[in-house]
Amino acid sequence: MAVHKPRKGQRVSSFEMTTETTGSTAGATGWRKSARCAGNGACVEIGSLHGGAVAARDAYDGDAGPVLTFSAAQWRAFTAAAKAGRFDLAG
């Protein structure tokens, strides 16, 4: 399965995301790994940003990889959509 990394400013699943410069942690603190991480290398880490914004990165790359940033409203919309099953694969 190919992994698609969005280009800076690319619209993905109706959520605007911006990508910080590779190697930047975007000033995020308190990085934590997803509870859904199965230890297979396909894990996501989430960090807190000023003003309630959220940063997300590939746990495998850590500080060396790209960081996606979401405003607080974007993160709430994304998590609500995920909980509602909008991103579930058909099958």
Protein backbone atom coordinates (compact mmCIF):
# COMPACT_ATOMS: atom_id res chain seq x y z
CA MET A 1 0.00 0.00 0.00
CA ALA A 2 1.48 3.34 -1.03
CA VAL A 3 1.58 6.16 1.46
CA HIS A 4 0.60 9.56 0.12
CA LYS A 5 2.16 12.57 1.81
CA PRO A 6 0.31 15.79 0.95
CA ARG A 7 2.19 18.69 -0.58
CA LYS A 8 2.30 21.94 1.37
CA GLY A 9 -1.15 23.53 1.33
CA GLN A 10 -2.75 20.56 -0.48
CA ARG A 11 -6.39 19.97 0.40
CA VAL A 12 -6.86 16.47 1.81
CA SER A 13 -10.29 14.97 2.57
CA SER A 14 -11.72 18.50 2.85
CA PHE A 15 -9.31 19.42 5.66
CA GLU A 16 -6.70 22.10 5.02
CA MET A 17 -3.31 21.01 6.31
CA THR A 18 0.05 22.68 6.14
CA THR A 19 3.37 20.90 6.31
CA GLU A 20 6.21 22.36 8.33
CA THR A 21 9.77 22.17 7.06
CA THR A 22 11.24 18.67 7.26
CA GLY A 23 12.98 18.18 10.58
CA SER A 24 10.83 20.76 12.37
CA THR A 25 8.67 19.78 15.30
CA ALA A 26 6.67 22.99 14.78
CA GLY A 27 7.21 23.95 18.44
CA ALA A 28 4.96 21.12 19.59
CA THR A 29 5.21 19.77 23.12
CA GLY A 30 3.98 16.62 24.82
CA TRP A 31 4.29 14.32 21.80
CA ARG A 32 2.26 11.15 22.35
CA LYS A 33 1.75 8.06 20.22
CA SER A 34 -1.65 6.97 18.98
CA ALA A 35 -3.42 4.40 21.16
CA ARG A 36 -4.11 2.51 17.91
CA CYS A 37 -0.40 1.99 17.24
CA ALA A 38 0.17 -1.70 16.61
CA GLY A 39 3.96 -1.50 16.79
CA ASN A 40 4.24 -2.23 13.06
CA GLY A 41 5.89 1.08 12.16
CA ALA A 42 2.62 2.69 11.00
CA CYS A 43 2.18 4.92 14.04
CA VAL A 44 1.26 8.57 14.39
CA GLU A 45 2.36 10.97 17.13
CA ILE A 46 0.36 14.02 18.16
CA GLY A 47 1.80 17.10 19.87
CA SER A 48 0.22 20.20 21.40
CA LEU A 49 0.76 23.66 19.94
CA HIS A 50 0.00 27.13 21.28
CA GLY A 51 -3.66 28.12 21.16
CA GLY A 52 -5.02 24.57 21.06
CA ALA A 53 -3.56 23.73 17.66
CA VAL A 54 -2.27 20.21 17.05
CA ALA A 55 0.81 18.85 15.27
CA ALA A 56 0.96 15.33 13.81
CA ARG A 57 3.95 13.35 12.58
CA ASP A 58 5.00 9.83 11.65
CA ALA A 59 6.34 8.21 14.83
CA TYR A 60 8.97 6.33 12.82
CA ASP A 61 10.51 9.58 11.47
CA GLY A 62 10.12 11.55 14.71
CA ASP A 63 12.00 14.85 14.67
CA ALA A 64 13.51 14.11 11.25
CA GLY A 65 10.23 13.92 9.33
CA PRO A 66 7.56 16.37 8.22
CA VAL A 67 4.99 17.73 10.67
CA LEU A 68 1.37 18.44 9.78
CA THR A 69 -0.29 21.22 11.73
CA PHE A 70 -4.00 21.65 12.39
CA SER A 71 -5.89 24.50 14.01
CA ALA A 72 -8.02 23.49 17.00
CA ALA A 73 -11.17 23.68 14.83
CA GLN A 74 -9.60 21.59 12.06
CA TRP A 75 -8.50 18.93 14.55
CA ARG A 76 -11.99 18.76 16.11
CA ALA A 77 -13.53 18.38 12.62
CA PHE A 78 -11.01 15.70 11.66
CA THR A 79 -11.46 13.64 14.82
CA ALA A 80 -15.26 13.93 14.62
CA ALA A 81 -15.18 12.71 11.01
CA ALA A 82 -12.85 9.83 11.91
CA LYS A 83 -15.11 8.78 14.80
CA ALA A 84 -18.10 8.91 12.42
CA GLY A 85 -16.35 6.52 10.05
CA ARG A 86 -15.82 8.96 7.15
CA PHE A 87 -12.33 7.58 6.48
CA ASP A 88 -13.11 3.87 6.88
CA LEU A 89 -12.16 1.71 3.93
CA ALA A 90 -14.98 0.00 2.09
CA GLY A 91 -14.91 -3.73 2.42
